[in-house]
């Protein structure tokens, strides 16, 4: 979930890089991070790393 002003910054096109930490946990029915965005924001995967805990760090930039 993007917290704080993150969604507004995405909508305004002010985000150059998006860092996601994905934890391997399933809760209920799942959750979509960007359900309420009304536009497509093309991103390209710049790098990723996985940790022993199963967490994946993915870095995306505007495509």
C-alpha atoms as a PDB file:
ATOM      1  CA  UNK A   1       0.000   0.000   0.000  1.00  0.00           C
ATOM      2  CA  UNK A   2       1.309   3.428  -0.845  1.00  0.00           C
ATOM      3  CA  UNK A   3       0.967   5.669   2.177  1.00  0.00           C
ATOM      4  CA  UNK A   4       0.883   9.426   2.608  1.00  0.00           C
ATOM      5  CA  UNK A   5       1.220  11.660  -0.450  1.00  0.00           C
ATOM      6  CA  UNK A   6       2.517   8.811  -2.649  1.00  0.00           C
ATOM      7  CA  UNK A   7      -0.641   8.375  -4.719  1.00  0.00           C
ATOM      8  CA  UNK A   8      -0.983  12.120  -5.332  1.00  0.00           C
ATOM      9  CA  UNK A   9       2.656  12.286  -6.442  1.00  0.00           C
ATOM     10  CA  UNK A  10       2.117   9.361  -8.841  1.00  0.00           C
ATOM     11  CA  UNK A  11      -0.999  11.014 -10.292  1.00  0.00           C
ATOM     12  CA  UNK A  12       0.886  14.292 -10.794  1.00  0.00           C
ATOM     13  CA  UNK A  13       3.752  12.540 -12.603  1.00  0.00           C
ATOM     14  CA  UNK A  14       6.292  13.577  -9.962  1.00  0.00           C
ATOM     15  CA  UNK A  15       7.667  10.102  -9.201  1.00  0.00           C
ATOM     16  CA  UNK A  16      10.922   9.226 -11.004  1.00  0.00           C
ATOM     17  CA  UNK A  17      11.663   6.002  -9.155  1.00  0.00           C
ATOM     18  CA  UNK A  18       9.506   3.506  -7.301  1.00  0.00           C
ATOM     19  CA  UNK A  19      11.082   1.166  -4.733  1.00  0.00           C
ATOM     20  CA  UNK A  20       8.951  -1.798  -3.734  1.00  0.00           C
ATOM     21  CA  UNK A  21       9.684  -4.268  -0.975  1.00  0.00           C
ATOM     22  CA  UNK A  22       7.559  -7.352  -1.569  1.00  0.00           C
ATOM     23  CA  UNK A  23       7.101  -9.643   1.427  1.00  0.00           C
ATOM     24  CA  UNK A  24       6.067 -13.256   0.758  1.00  0.00           C
ATOM     25  CA  UNK A  25       2.914 -13.165   2.883  1.00  0.00           C
ATOM     26  CA  UNK A  26      -0.650 -13.804   1.752  1.00  0.00           C
ATOM     27  CA  UNK A  27      -3.413 -12.013   3.650  1.00  0.00           C
ATOM     28  CA  UNK A  28      -7.076 -12.669   2.971  1.00  0.00           C
ATOM     29  CA  UNK A  29      -8.082 -11.862  -0.585  1.00  0.00           C
ATOM     30  CA  UNK A  30      -4.898  -9.987  -1.412  1.00  0.00           C
ATOM     31  CA  UNK A  31      -4.468  -6.292  -2.052  1.00  0.00           C
ATOM     32  CA  UNK A  32      -3.851  -4.180  -5.144  1.00  0.00           C
ATOM     33  CA  UNK A  33      -1.438  -1.309  -4.629  1.00  0.00           C
ATOM     34  CA  UNK A  34      -2.813   1.001  -7.284  1.00  0.00           C
ATOM     35  CA  UNK A  35      -6.558   0.281  -7.454  1.00  0.00           C
ATOM     36  CA  UNK A  36      -7.572   3.924  -7.317  1.00  0.00           C
ATOM     37  CA  UNK A  37      -5.228   5.277 -10.013  1.00  0.00           C
ATOM     38  CA  UNK A  38      -7.188   6.310 -13.091  1.00  0.00           C
ATOM     39  CA  UNK A  39      -4.242   6.354 -15.488  1.00  0.00           C
ATOM     40  CA  UNK A  40      -1.562   4.005 -16.760  1.00  0.00           C
ATOM     41  CA  UNK A  41       1.966   4.793 -15.619  1.00  0.00           C
ATOM     42  CA  UNK A  42       4.529   2.882 -17.705  1.00  0.00           C
ATOM     43  CA  UNK A  43       7.423   1.617 -15.588  1.00  0.00           C
ATOM     44  CA  UNK A  44      10.588  -0.313 -16.388  1.00  0.00           C
ATOM     45  CA  UNK A  45      12.327  -2.614 -13.938  1.00  0.00           C
ATOM     46  CA  UNK A  46      15.759  -1.141 -13.236  1.00  0.00           C
ATOM     47  CA  UNK A  47      17.016  -3.628 -10.660  1.00  0.00           C
ATOM     48  CA  UNK A  48      15.901  -6.237  -8.178  1.00  0.00           C
ATOM     49  CA  UNK A  49      17.409  -8.107  -5.277  1.00  0.00           C
ATOM     50  CA  UNK A  50      16.113 -10.914  -3.107  1.00  0.00           C
ATOM     51  CA  UNK A  51      16.967 -11.585   0.498  1.00  0.00           C
ATOM     52  CA  UNK A  52      17.169 -14.800   2.519  1.00  0.00           C
ATOM     53  CA  UNK A  53      13.868 -13.930   4.188  1.00  0.00           C
ATOM     54  CA  UNK A  54      12.142 -14.109   0.797  1.00  0.00           C
ATOM     55  CA  UNK A  55      11.679 -10.332   0.565  1.00  0.00           C
ATOM     56  CA  UNK A  56      12.261  -8.910  -2.921  1.00  0.00           C
ATOM     57  CA  UNK A  57      13.406  -5.317  -3.459  1.00  0.00           C
ATOM     58  CA  UNK A  58      12.372  -4.087  -6.909  1.00  0.00           C
ATOM     59  CA  UNK A  59      13.344  -0.675  -8.312  1.00  0.00           C
ATOM     60  CA  UNK A  60      11.235   0.734 -11.146  1.00  0.00           C
ATOM     61  CA  UNK A  61      11.769   3.923 -13.189  1.00  0.00           C
ATOM     62  CA  UNK A  62       9.445   5.693 -15.578  1.00  0.00           C
ATOM     63  CA  UNK A  63       9.600   3.960 -18.961  1.00  0.00           C
END
